[in-house]
Amino acid sequence: MPESAALEFESRIQVPAAHPCLPGHFPGRPLVPAVLLLNCVVRALRERLGGLRLTTLQGAKFLLPVLPEARVDLQIRADLSQGRAHFRIEFEGRLAAQGALGFVRD
């Protein structure tokens, strides 16, 4: 794939209720932490591009809480020449999060 190429793809995220971070976030009504959703974005990029290192979080907005076991749709548009990726996370058909991050490929 040429370095100037753009890459667009979709993925599905589902955080199991037994994930170790959930009991403390929040007791009695667990929510998927934003940092875990960001980790899912980076993992999806690595699965498509191979090794990469996150360099910046250029902005992120978390608009809706995401519940454990929920199926969440992830859309990523990566500009390989700029080392930038924009993401959208939708939960129950509504925008739950969006943002952009910078990366370098290993």
PDB file of N, CA and C in Angstrom:
ATOM      1  N   MET A   1       0.846  -1.173   0.000  1.00  0.00           N
ATOM      2  CA  MET A   1       0.000   0.000   0.000  1.00  0.00           C
ATOM      3  C   MET A   1       0.891   1.236   0.000  1.00  0.00           C
ATOM      4  N   PRO A   2       0.740   2.172  -0.938  1.00  0.00           N
ATOM      5  CA  PRO A   2       1.576   3.360  -0.981  1.00  0.00           C
ATOM      6  C   PRO A   2       1.376   4.220   0.262  1.00  0.00           C
ATOM      7  N   GLU A   3       2.449   4.914   0.655  1.00  0.00           N
ATOM      8  CA  GLU A   3       2.391   5.751   1.849  1.00  0.00           C
ATOM      9  C   GLU A   3       1.371   6.880   1.738  1.00  0.00           C
ATOM     10  N   SER A   4       1.031   7.291   0.514  1.00  0.00           N
ATOM     11  CA  SER A   4       0.076   8.382   0.350  1.00  0.00           C
ATOM     12  C   SER A   4      -1.367   7.894   0.405  1.00  0.00           C
ATOM     13  N   ALA A   5      -1.557   6.599   0.563  1.00  0.00           N
ATOM     14  CA  ALA A   5      -2.899   6.015   0.525  1.00  0.00           C
ATOM     15  C   ALA A   5      -3.688   6.348   1.786  1.00  0.00           C
ATOM     16  N   ALA A   6      -4.991   6.378   1.604  1.00  0.00           N
ATOM     17  CA  ALA A   6      -5.906   6.501   2.730  1.00  0.00           C
ATOM     18  C   ALA A   6      -6.535   5.137   2.965  1.00  0.00           C
ATOM     19  N   LEU A   7      -6.926   4.909   4.172  1.00  0.00           N
ATOM     20  CA  LEU A   7      -7.517   3.637   4.544  1.00  0.00           C
ATOM     21  C   LEU A   7      -8.789   3.917   5.337  1.00  0.00           C
ATOM     22  N   GLU A   8      -9.879   3.304   4.927  1.00  0.00           N
ATOM     23  CA  GLU A   8     -11.135   3.414   5.665  1.00  0.00           C
ATOM     24  C   GLU A   8     -11.636   2.015   5.965  1.00  0.00           C
ATOM     25  N   PHE A   9     -12.080   1.808   7.195  1.00  0.00           N
ATOM     26  CA  PHE A   9     -12.624   0.514   7.549  1.00  0.00           C
ATOM     27  C   PHE A   9     -13.533   0.640   8.762  1.00  0.00           C
ATOM     28  N   GLU A  10     -14.319  -0.408   8.971  1.00  0.00           N
ATOM     29  CA  GLU A  10     -15.218  -0.481  10.110  1.00  0.00           C
ATOM     30  C   GLU A  10     -14.897  -1.726  10.910  1.00  0.00           C
ATOM     31  N   SER A  11     -15.216  -1.655  12.184  1.00  0.00           N
ATOM     32  CA  SER A  11     -14.979  -2.775  13.078  1.00  0.00           C
ATOM     33  C   SER A  11     -16.076  -2.749  14.133  1.00  0.00           C
ATOM     34  N   ARG A  12     -16.193  -3.814  14.865  1.00  0.00           N
ATOM     35  CA  ARG A  12     -17.167  -3.874  15.951  1.00  0.00           C
ATOM     36  C   ARG A  12     -16.418  -4.120  17.252  1.00  0.00           C
ATOM     37  N   ILE A  13     -16.810  -3.390  18.276  1.00  0.00           N
ATOM     38  CA  ILE A  13     -16.200  -3.496  19.602  1.00  0.00           C
ATOM     39  C   ILE A  13     -17.261  -4.060  20.546  1.00  0.00           C
ATOM     40  N   GLN A  14     -16.822  -4.942  21.440  1.00  0.00           N
ATOM     41  CA  GLN A  14     -17.704  -5.414  22.500  1.00  0.00           C
ATOM     42  C   GLN A  14     -16.839  -5.693  23.718  1.00  0.00           C
ATOM     43  N   VAL A  15     -17.048  -4.928  24.771  1.00  0.00           N
ATOM     44  CA  VAL A  15     -16.271  -5.095  25.999  1.00  0.00           C
ATOM     45  C   VAL A  15     -17.055  -6.034  26.918  1.00  0.00           C
ATOM     46  N   PRO A  16     -16.451  -7.165  27.282  1.00  0.00           N
ATOM     47  CA  PRO A  16     -17.166  -8.125  28.131  1.00  0.00           C
ATOM     48  C   PRO A  16     -17.416  -7.562  29.537  1.00  0.00           C
ATOM     49  N   ALA A  17     -18.512  -7.968  30.110  1.00  0.00           N
ATOM     50  CA  ALA A  17     -18.870  -7.509  31.457  1.00  0.00           C
ATOM     51  C   ALA A  17     -17.826  -7.929  32.493  1.00  0.00           C
ATOM     52  N   ALA A  18     -17.053  -8.964  32.183  1.00  0.00           N
ATOM     53  CA  ALA A  18     -16.029  -9.443  33.117  1.00  0.00           C
ATOM     54  C   ALA A  18     -14.697  -8.699  32.970  1.00  0.00           C
ATOM     55  N   HIS A  19     -14.625  -7.682  32.117  1.00  0.00           N
ATOM     56  CA  HIS A  19     -13.357  -6.946  31.946  1.00  0.00           C
ATOM     57  C   HIS A  19     -12.907  -6.407  33.305  1.00  0.00           C
ATOM     58  N   PRO A  20     -11.618  -6.533  33.630  1.00  0.00           N
ATOM     59  CA  PRO A  20     -11.148  -6.164  34.977  1.00  0.00           C
ATOM     60  C   PRO A  20     -11.288  -4.678  35.330  1.00  0.00           C
ATOM     61  N   CYS A  21     -11.448  -3.792  34.374  1.00  0.00           N
ATOM     62  CA  CYS A  21     -11.555  -2.366  34.718  1.00  0.00           C
ATOM     63  C   CYS A  21     -12.977  -1.950  35.092  1.00  0.00           C
ATOM     64  N   LEU A  22     -13.954  -2.775  34.815  1.00  0.00           N
ATOM     65  CA  LEU A  22     -15.345  -2.353  34.986  1.00  0.00           C
ATOM     66  C   LEU A  22     -15.842  -2.261  36.427  1.00  0.00           C
ATOM     67  N   PRO A  23     -15.449  -3.146  37.343  1.00  0.00           N
ATOM     68  CA  PRO A  23     -15.987  -3.019  38.700  1.00  0.00           C
ATOM     69  C   PRO A  23     -15.723  -1.650  39.351  1.00  0.00           C
ATOM     70  N   GLY A  24     -14.631  -1.019  39.037  1.00  0.00           N
ATOM     71  CA  GLY A  24     -14.333   0.287  39.624  1.00  0.00           C
ATOM     72  C   GLY A  24     -14.837   1.460  38.809  1.00  0.00           C
ATOM     73  N   HIS A  25     -15.483   1.184  37.700  1.00  0.00           N
ATOM     74  CA  HIS A  25     -15.891   2.261  36.777  1.00  0.00           C
ATOM     75  C   HIS A  25     -17.319   2.048  36.309  1.00  0.00           C
ATOM     76  N   PHE A  26     -18.255   2.136  36.964  1.00  0.00           N
ATOM     77  CA  PHE A  26     -18.545   2.643  38.297  1.00  0.00           C
ATOM     78  C   PHE A  26     -19.259   1.546  39.079  1.00  0.00           C
ATOM     79  N   PRO A  27     -19.007   1.411  40.365  1.00  0.00           N
ATOM     80  CA  PRO A  27     -19.649   0.353  41.154  1.00  0.00           C
ATOM     81  C   PRO A  27     -21.177   0.449  41.059  1.00  0.00           C
ATOM     82  N   GLY A  28     -21.802  -0.695  40.764  1.00  0.00           N
ATOM     83  CA  GLY A  28     -23.245  -0.738  40.677  1.00  0.00           C
ATOM     84  C   GLY A  28     -23.806  -0.400  39.311  1.00  0.00           C
ATOM     85  N   ARG A  29     -23.081   0.349  38.507  1.00  0.00           N
ATOM     86  CA  ARG A  29     -23.519   0.692  37.143  1.00  0.00           C
ATOM     87  C   ARG A  29     -22.275   0.860  36.265  1.00  0.00           C
ATOM     88  N   PRO A  30     -21.661  -0.248  35.889  1.00  0.00           N
ATOM     89  CA  PRO A  30     -20.408  -0.154  35.134  1.00  0.00           C
ATOM     90  C   PRO A  30     -20.592   0.480  33.755  1.00  0.00           C
ATOM     91  N   LEU A  31     -19.632   1.304  33.393  1.00  0.00           N
ATOM     92  CA  LEU A  31     -19.546   1.931  32.070  1.00  0.00           C
ATOM     93  C   LEU A  31     -18.165   1.629  31.508  1.00  0.00           C
ATOM     94  N   VAL A  32     -18.083   1.526  30.191  1.00  0.00           N
ATOM     95  CA  VAL A  32     -16.791   1.305  29.538  1.00  0.00           C
ATOM     96  C   VAL A  32     -16.007   2.620  29.592  1.00  0.00           C
ATOM     97  N   PRO A  33     -14.823   2.629  30.204  1.00  0.00           N
ATOM     98  CA  PRO A  33     -14.037   3.861  30.294  1.00  0.00           C
ATOM     99  C   PRO A  33     -13.580   4.350  28.913  1.00  0.00           C
ATOM    100  N   ALA A  34     -13.473   5.654  28.781  1.00  0.00           N
ATOM    101  CA  ALA A  34     -13.034   6.265  27.522  1.00  0.00           C
ATOM    102  C   ALA A  34     -11.667   5.746  27.095  1.00  0.00           C
ATOM    103  N   VAL A  35     -10.765   5.561  28.048  1.00  0.00           N
ATOM    104  CA  VAL A  35      -9.420   5.099  27.699  1.00  0.00           C
ATOM    105  C   VAL A  35      -9.471   3.690  27.102  1.00  0.00           C
ATOM    106  N   LEU A  36     -10.413   2.872  27.525  1.00  0.00           N
ATOM    107  CA  LEU A  36     -10.547   1.534  26.950  1.00  0.00           C
ATOM    108  C   LEU A  36     -11.078   1.617  25.518  1.00  0.00           C
ATOM    109  N   LEU A  37     -11.999   2.547  25.265  1.00  0.00           N
ATOM    110  CA  LEU A  37     -12.478   2.749  23.891  1.00  0.00           C
ATOM    111  C   LEU A  37     -11.335   3.230  22.995  1.00  0.00           C
ATOM    112  N   LEU A  38     -10.505   4.141  23.500  1.00  0.00           N
ATOM    113  CA  LEU A  38      -9.349   4.598  22.712  1.00  0.00           C
ATOM    114  C   LEU A  38      -8.387   3.453  22.435  1.00  0.00           C
ATOM    115  N   ASN A  39      -8.189   2.592  23.401  1.00  0.00           N
ATOM    116  CA  ASN A  39      -7.333   1.425  23.199  1.00  0.00           C
ATOM    117  C   ASN A  39      -7.886   0.529  22.093  1.00  0.00           C
ATOM    118  N   CYS A  40      -9.198   0.417  22.017  1.00  0.00           N
ATOM    119  CA  CYS A  40      -9.827  -0.384  20.952  1.00  0.00           C
ATOM    120  C   CYS A  40      -9.562   0.243  19.582  1.00  0.00           C
ATOM    121  N   VAL A  41      -9.567   1.568  19.508  1.00  0.00           N
ATOM    122  CA  VAL A  41      -9.268   2.255  18.253  1.00  0.00           C
ATOM    123  C   VAL A  41      -7.834   1.949  17.823  1.00  0.00           C
ATOM    124  N   VAL A  42      -6.897   2.084  18.736  1.00  0.00           N
ATOM    125  CA  VAL A  42      -5.491   1.829  18.421  1.00  0.00           C
ATOM    126  C   VAL A  42      -5.287   0.363  18.041  1.00  0.00           C
ATOM    127  N   ARG A  43      -5.922  -0.548  18.749  1.00  0.00           N
ATOM    128  CA  ARG A  43      -5.797  -1.975  18.426  1.00  0.00           C
ATOM    129  C   ARG A  43      -6.336  -2.269  17.027  1.00  0.00           C
ATOM    130  N   ALA A  44      -7.462  -1.659  16.659  1.00  0.00           N
ATOM    131  CA  ALA A  44      -8.022  -1.854  15.319  1.00  0.00           C
ATOM    132  C   ALA A  44      -7.062  -1.327  14.251  1.00  0.00           C
ATOM    133  N   LEU A  45      -6.433  -0.191  14.509  1.00  0.00           N
ATOM    134  CA  LEU A  45      -5.442   0.339  13.563  1.00  0.00           C
ATOM    135  C   LEU A  45      -4.252  -0.612  13.428  1.00  0.00           C
ATOM    136  N   ARG A  46      -3.773  -1.130  14.537  1.00  0.00           N
ATOM    137  CA  ARG A  46      -2.633  -2.061  14.493  1.00  0.00           C
ATOM    138  C   ARG A  46      -2.979  -3.336  13.739  1.00  0.00           C
ATOM    139  N   GLU A  47      -4.206  -3.808  13.891  1.00  0.00           N
ATOM    140  CA  GLU A  47      -4.615  -5.011  13.163  1.00  0.00           C
ATOM    141  C   GLU A  47      -4.585  -4.778  11.657  1.00  0.00           C
ATOM    142  N   ARG A  48      -4.894  -3.571  11.214  1.00  0.00           N
ATOM    143  CA  ARG A  48      -4.903  -3.251   9.780  1.00  0.00           C
ATOM    144  C   ARG A  48      -3.538  -2.845   9.250  1.00  0.00           C
ATOM    145  N   LEU A  49      -2.754  -2.129  10.054  1.00  0.00           N
ATOM    146  CA  LEU A  49      -1.514  -1.531   9.558  1.00  0.00           C
ATOM    147  C   LEU A  49      -0.253  -2.226  10.051  1.00  0.00           C
ATOM    148  N   GLY A  50      -0.383  -3.138  10.984  1.00  0.00           N
ATOM    149  CA  GLY A  50       0.806  -3.721  11.589  1.00  0.00           C
ATOM    150  C   GLY A  50       1.272  -2.817  12.719  1.00  0.00           C
ATOM    151  N   GLY A  51       2.563  -2.856  12.992  1.00  0.00           N
ATOM    152  CA  GLY A  51       3.102  -2.092  14.104  1.00  0.00           C
ATOM    153  C   GLY A  51       2.960  -0.586  13.919  1.00  0.00           C
ATOM    154  N   LEU A  52       2.489   0.061  14.950  1.00  0.00           N
ATOM    155  CA  LEU A  52       2.446   1.516  14.963  1.00  0.00           C
ATOM    156  C   LEU A  52       2.506   1.995  16.400  1.00  0.00           C
ATOM    157  N   ARG A  53       2.915   3.230  16.548  1.00  0.00           N
ATOM    158  CA  ARG A  53       3.013   3.842  17.867  1.00  0.00           C
ATOM    159  C   ARG A  53       2.144   5.091  17.880  1.00  0.00           C
ATOM    160  N   LEU A  54       1.301   5.208  18.869  1.00  0.00           N
ATOM    161  CA  LEU A  54       0.466   6.396  19.036  1.00  0.00           C
ATOM    162  C   LEU A  54       1.363   7.556  19.450  1.00  0.00           C
ATOM    163  N   THR A  55       1.237   8.705  18.764  1.00  0.00           N
ATOM    164  CA  THR A  55       2.057   9.859  19.096  1.00  0.00           C
ATOM    165  C   THR A  55       1.254  10.986  19.735  1.00  0.00           C
ATOM    166  N   THR A  56       0.025  11.170  19.302  1.00  0.00           N
ATOM    167  CA  THR A  56      -0.802  12.244  19.854  1.00  0.00           C
ATOM    168  C   THR A  56      -2.267  11.842  19.854  1.00  0.00           C
ATOM    169  N   LEU A  57      -2.972  12.400  20.792  1.00  0.00           N
ATOM    170  CA  LEU A  57      -4.426  12.363  20.760  1.00  0.00           C
ATOM    171  C   LEU A  57      -4.820  13.788  20.398  1.00  0.00           C
ATOM    172  N   GLN A  58      -5.250  13.972  19.163  1.00  0.00           N
ATOM    173  CA  GLN A  58      -5.469  15.309  18.642  1.00  0.00           C
ATOM    174  C   GLN A  58      -6.825  15.864  19.026  1.00  0.00           C
ATOM    175  N   GLY A  59      -7.613  15.073  19.674  1.00  0.00           N
ATOM    176  CA  GLY A  59      -8.917  15.510  20.143  1.00  0.00           C
ATOM    177  C   GLY A  59      -9.847  14.334  20.228  1.00  0.00           C
ATOM    178  N   ALA A  60     -10.686  14.339  21.239  1.00  0.00           N
ATOM    179  CA  ALA A  60     -11.678  13.286  21.388  1.00  0.00           C
ATOM    180  C   ALA A  60     -12.850  13.835  22.193  1.00  0.00           C
ATOM    181  N   LYS A  61     -14.037  13.459  21.767  1.00  0.00           N
ATOM    182  CA  LYS A  61     -15.250  13.822  22.486  1.00  0.00           C
ATOM    183  C   LYS A  61     -16.019  12.542  22.763  1.00  0.00           C
ATOM    184  N   PHE A  62     -16.423  12.389  23.995  1.00  0.00           N
ATOM    185  CA  PHE A  62     -17.199  11.230  24.411  1.00  0.00           C
ATOM    186  C   PHE A  62     -18.590  11.734  24.769  1.00  0.00           C
ATOM    187  N   LEU A  63     -19.558  11.383  23.943  1.00  0.00           N
ATOM    188  CA  LEU A  63     -20.885  11.992  24.005  1.00  0.00           C
ATOM    189  C   LEU A  63     -21.937  11.130  24.692  1.00  0.00           C
ATOM    190  N   LEU A  64     -21.752   9.823  24.675  1.00  0.00           N
ATOM    191  CA  LEU A  64     -22.695   8.897  25.293  1.00  0.00           C
ATOM    192  C   LEU A  64     -21.938   7.839  26.078  1.00  0.00           C
ATOM    193  N   PRO A  65     -22.489   7.398  27.192  1.00  0.00           N
ATOM    194  CA  PRO A  65     -21.859   6.278  27.890  1.00  0.00           C
ATOM    195  C   PRO A  65     -22.051   4.984  27.091  1.00  0.00           C
ATOM    196  N   VAL A  66     -21.049   4.134  27.153  1.00  0.00           N
ATOM    197  CA  VAL A  66     -21.110   2.824  26.502  1.00  0.00           C
ATOM    198  C   VAL A  66     -21.160   1.773  27.602  1.00  0.00           C
ATOM    199  N   LEU A  67     -22.104   0.864  27.475  1.00  0.00           N
ATOM    200  CA  LEU A  67     -22.313  -0.162  28.491  1.00  0.00           C
ATOM    201  C   LEU A  67     -21.543  -1.437  28.153  1.00  0.00           C
ATOM    202  N   PRO A  68     -21.146  -2.181  29.182  1.00  0.00           N
ATOM    203  CA  PRO A  68     -20.502  -3.478  28.941  1.00  0.00           C
ATOM    204  C   PRO A  68     -21.427  -4.390  28.128  1.00  0.00           C
ATOM    205  N   GLU A  69     -20.820  -5.233  27.323  1.00  0.00           N
ATOM    206  CA  GLU A  69     -21.510  -6.197  26.463  1.00  0.00           C
ATOM    207  C   GLU A  69     -22.213  -5.560  25.263  1.00  0.00           C
ATOM    208  N   ALA A  70     -22.268  -4.238  25.203  1.00  0.00           N
ATOM    209  CA  ALA A  70     -22.918  -3.569  24.070  1.00  0.00           C
ATOM    210  C   ALA A  70     -22.060  -3.738  22.822  1.00  0.00           C
ATOM    211  N   ARG A  71     -22.708  -3.919  21.709  1.00  0.00           N
ATOM    212  CA  ARG A  71     -21.997  -3.963  20.424  1.00  0.00           C
ATOM    213  C   ARG A  71     -21.903  -2.537  19.910  1.00  0.00           C
ATOM    214  N   VAL A  72     -20.676  -2.109  19.717  1.00  0.00           N
ATOM    215  CA  VAL A  72     -20.395  -0.732  19.341  1.00  0.00           C
ATOM    216  C   VAL A  72     -19.695  -0.733  17.986  1.00  0.00           C
ATOM    217  N   ASP A  73     -20.138   0.122  17.085  1.00  0.00           N
ATOM    218  CA  ASP A  73     -19.536   0.203  15.753  1.00  0.00           C
ATOM    219  C   ASP A  73     -18.448   1.260  15.729  1.00  0.00           C
ATOM    220  N   LEU A  74     -17.309   0.867  15.186  1.00  0.00           N
ATOM    221  CA  LEU A  74     -16.143   1.742  15.071  1.00  0.00           C
ATOM    222  C   LEU A  74     -15.870   2.000  13.598  1.00  0.00           C
ATOM    223  N   GLN A  75     -15.724   3.261  13.234  1.00  0.00           N
ATOM    224  CA  GLN A  75     -15.350   3.646  11.871  1.00  0.00           C
ATOM    225  C   GLN A  75     -14.042   4.423  11.963  1.00  0.00           C
ATOM    226  N   ILE A  76     -13.083   4.039  11.122  1.00  0.00           N
ATOM    227  CA  ILE A  76     -11.778   4.698  11.119  1.00  0.00           C
ATOM    228  C   ILE A  76     -11.429   5.119   9.700  1.00  0.00           C
ATOM    229  N   ARG A  77     -10.928   6.327   9.580  1.00  0.00           N
ATOM    230  CA  ARG A  77     -10.387   6.838   8.318  1.00  0.00           C
ATOM    231  C   ARG A  77      -8.959   7.299   8.621  1.00  0.00           C
ATOM    232  N   ALA A  78      -7.986   6.584   8.050  1.00  0.00           N
ATOM    233  CA  ALA A  78      -6.577   6.868   8.327  1.00  0.00           C
ATOM    234  C   ALA A  78      -5.909   7.460   7.099  1.00  0.00           C
ATOM    235  N   ASP A  79      -5.154   8.516   7.312  1.00  0.00           N
ATOM    236  CA  ASP A  79      -4.320   9.121   6.278  1.00  0.00           C
ATOM    237  C   ASP A  79      -2.890   8.670   6.564  1.00  0.00           C
ATOM    238  N   LEU A  80      -2.425   7.698   5.795  1.00  0.00           N
ATOM    239  CA  LEU A  80      -1.119   7.091   6.073  1.00  0.00           C
ATOM    240  C   LEU A  80       0.032   8.058   5.841  1.00  0.00           C
ATOM    241  N   SER A  81      -0.107   8.958   4.883  1.00  0.00           N
ATOM    242  CA  SER A  81       0.986   9.890   4.600  1.00  0.00           C
ATOM    243  C   SER A  81       1.126  10.937   5.707  1.00  0.00           C
ATOM    244  N   GLN A  82       0.043  11.241   6.388  1.00  0.00           N
ATOM    245  CA  GLN A  82       0.073  12.232   7.469  1.00  0.00           C
ATOM    246  C   GLN A  82       0.204  11.590   8.844  1.00  0.00           C
ATOM    247  N   GLY A  83       0.035  10.282   8.922  1.00  0.00           N
ATOM    248  CA  GLY A  83       0.083   9.616  10.220  1.00  0.00           C
ATOM    249  C   GLY A  83      -1.043  10.083  11.125  1.00  0.00           C
ATOM    250  N   ARG A  84      -2.230  10.166  10.558  1.00  0.00           N
ATOM    251  CA  ARG A  84      -3.384  10.661  11.310  1.00  0.00           C
ATOM    252  C   ARG A  84      -4.577   9.751  11.043  1.00  0.00           C
ATOM    253  N   ALA A  85      -5.375   9.528  12.065  1.00  0.00           N
ATOM    254  CA  ALA A  85      -6.583   8.728  11.915  1.00  0.00           C
ATOM    255  C   ALA A  85      -7.735   9.426  12.627  1.00  0.00           C
ATOM    256  N   HIS A  86      -8.869   9.467  11.963  1.00  0.00           N
ATOM    257  CA  HIS A  86     -10.103   9.991  12.546  1.00  0.00           C
ATOM    258  C   HIS A  86     -10.995   8.794  12.855  1.00  0.00           C
ATOM    259  N   PHE A  87     -11.673   8.850  13.997  1.00  0.00           N
ATOM    260  CA  PHE A  87     -12.538   7.734  14.366  1.00  0.00           C
ATOM    261  C   PHE A  87     -13.907   8.225  14.821  1.00  0.00           C
ATOM    262  N   ARG A  88     -14.874   7.339  14.650  1.00  0.00           N
ATOM    263  CA  ARG A  88     -16.247   7.523  15.142  1.00  0.00           C
ATOM    264  C   ARG A  88     -16.662   6.230  15.812  1.00  0.00           C
ATOM    265  N   ILE A  89     -17.306   6.359  16.954  1.00  0.00           N
ATOM    266  CA  ILE A  89     -17.834   5.203  17.661  1.00  0.00           C
ATOM    267  C   ILE A  89     -19.329   5.441  17.821  1.00  0.00           C
ATOM    268  N   GLU A  90     -20.114   4.484  17.342  1.00  0.00           N
ATOM    269  CA  GLU A  90     -21.566   4.600  17.438  1.00  0.00           C
ATOM    270  C   GLU A  90     -22.113   3.492  18.329  1.00  0.00           C
ATOM    271  N   PHE A  91     -23.029   3.875  19.188  1.00  0.00           N
ATOM    272  CA  PHE A  91     -23.677   2.964  20.125  1.00  0.00           C
ATOM    273  C   PHE A  91     -25.176   3.133  19.956  1.00  0.00           C
ATOM    274  N   GLU A  92     -25.839   2.025  19.644  1.00  0.00           N
ATOM    275  CA  GLU A  92     -27.277   2.029  19.412  1.00  0.00           C
ATOM    276  C   GLU A  92     -27.677   3.065  18.347  1.00  0.00           C
ATOM    277  N   GLY A  93     -26.853   3.157  17.298  1.00  0.00           N
ATOM    278  CA  GLY A  93     -27.144   4.042  16.176  1.00  0.00           C
ATOM    279  C   GLY A  93     -26.887   5.511  16.423  1.00  0.00           C
ATOM    280  N   ARG A  94     -26.327   5.839  17.564  1.00  0.00           N
ATOM    281  CA  ARG A  94     -26.041   7.242  17.881  1.00  0.00           C
ATOM    282  C   ARG A  94     -24.544   7.428  18.110  1.00  0.00           C
ATOM    283  N   LEU A  95     -24.066   8.627  17.814  1.00  0.00           N
ATOM    284  CA  LEU A  95     -22.649   8.933  17.988  1.00  0.00           C
ATOM    285  C   LEU A  95     -22.306   8.936  19.473  1.00  0.00           C
ATOM    286  N   ALA A  96     -21.404   8.044  19.868  1.00  0.00           N
ATOM    287  CA  ALA A  96     -20.966   7.948  21.260  1.00  0.00           C
ATOM    288  C   ALA A  96     -19.636   8.639  21.480  1.00  0.00           C
ATOM    289  N   ALA A  97     -18.768   8.626  20.455  1.00  0.00           N
ATOM    290  CA  ALA A  97     -17.447   9.248  20.587  1.00  0.00           C
ATOM    291  C   ALA A  97     -16.887   9.515  19.196  1.00  0.00           C
ATOM    292  N   GLN A  98     -16.019  10.513  19.147  1.00  0.00           N
ATOM    293  CA  GLN A  98     -15.304  10.811  17.899  1.00  0.00           C
ATOM    294  C   GLN A  98     -14.011  11.514  18.246  1.00  0.00           C
ATOM    295  N   GLY A  99     -13.065  11.449  17.329  1.00  0.00           N
ATOM    296  CA  GLY A  99     -11.804  12.118  17.584  1.00  0.00           C
ATOM    297  C   GLY A  99     -10.777  11.801  16.517  1.00  0.00           C
ATOM    298  N   ALA A 100      -9.559  12.222  16.803  1.00  0.00           N
ATOM    299  CA  ALA A 100      -8.442  12.008  15.888  1.00  0.00           C
ATOM    300  C   ALA A 100      -7.193  11.730  16.701  1.00  0.00           C
ATOM    301  N   LEU A 101      -6.326  10.930  16.112  1.00  0.00           N
ATOM    302  CA  LEU A 101      -5.049  10.656  16.762  1.00  0.00           C
ATOM    303  C   LEU A 101      -3.951  10.605  15.735  1.00  0.00           C
ATOM    304  N   GLY A 102      -2.741  10.827  16.204  1.00  0.00           N
ATOM    305  CA  GLY A 102      -1.566  10.748  15.345  1.00  0.00           C
ATOM    306  C   GLY A 102      -0.777   9.492  15.657  1.00  0.00           C
ATOM    307  N   PHE A 103      -0.088   8.976  14.634  1.00  0.00           N
ATOM    308  CA  PHE A 103       0.695   7.753  14.830  1.00  0.00           C
ATOM    309  C   PHE A 103       1.876   7.735  13.883  1.00  0.00           C
ATOM    310  N   VAL A 104       2.841   6.924  14.207  1.00  0.00           N
ATOM    311  CA  VAL A 104       3.948   6.599  13.305  1.00  0.00           C
ATOM    312  C   VAL A 104       3.981   5.092  13.177  1.00  0.00           C
ATOM    313  N   ARG A 105       4.305   4.652  11.989  1.00  0.00           N
ATOM    314  CA  ARG A 105       4.383   3.209  11.742  1.00  0.00           C
ATOM    315  C   ARG A 105       5.771   2.715  12.043  1.00  0.00           C
ATOM    316  N   ASP A 106       5.826   1.524  12.671  1.00  0.00           N
ATOM    317  CA  ASP A 106       7.116   0.897  13.010  1.00  0.00           C
ATOM    318  C   ASP A 106       7.745   0.295  11.782  1.00  0.00           C
TER     319      ASP A 106
END
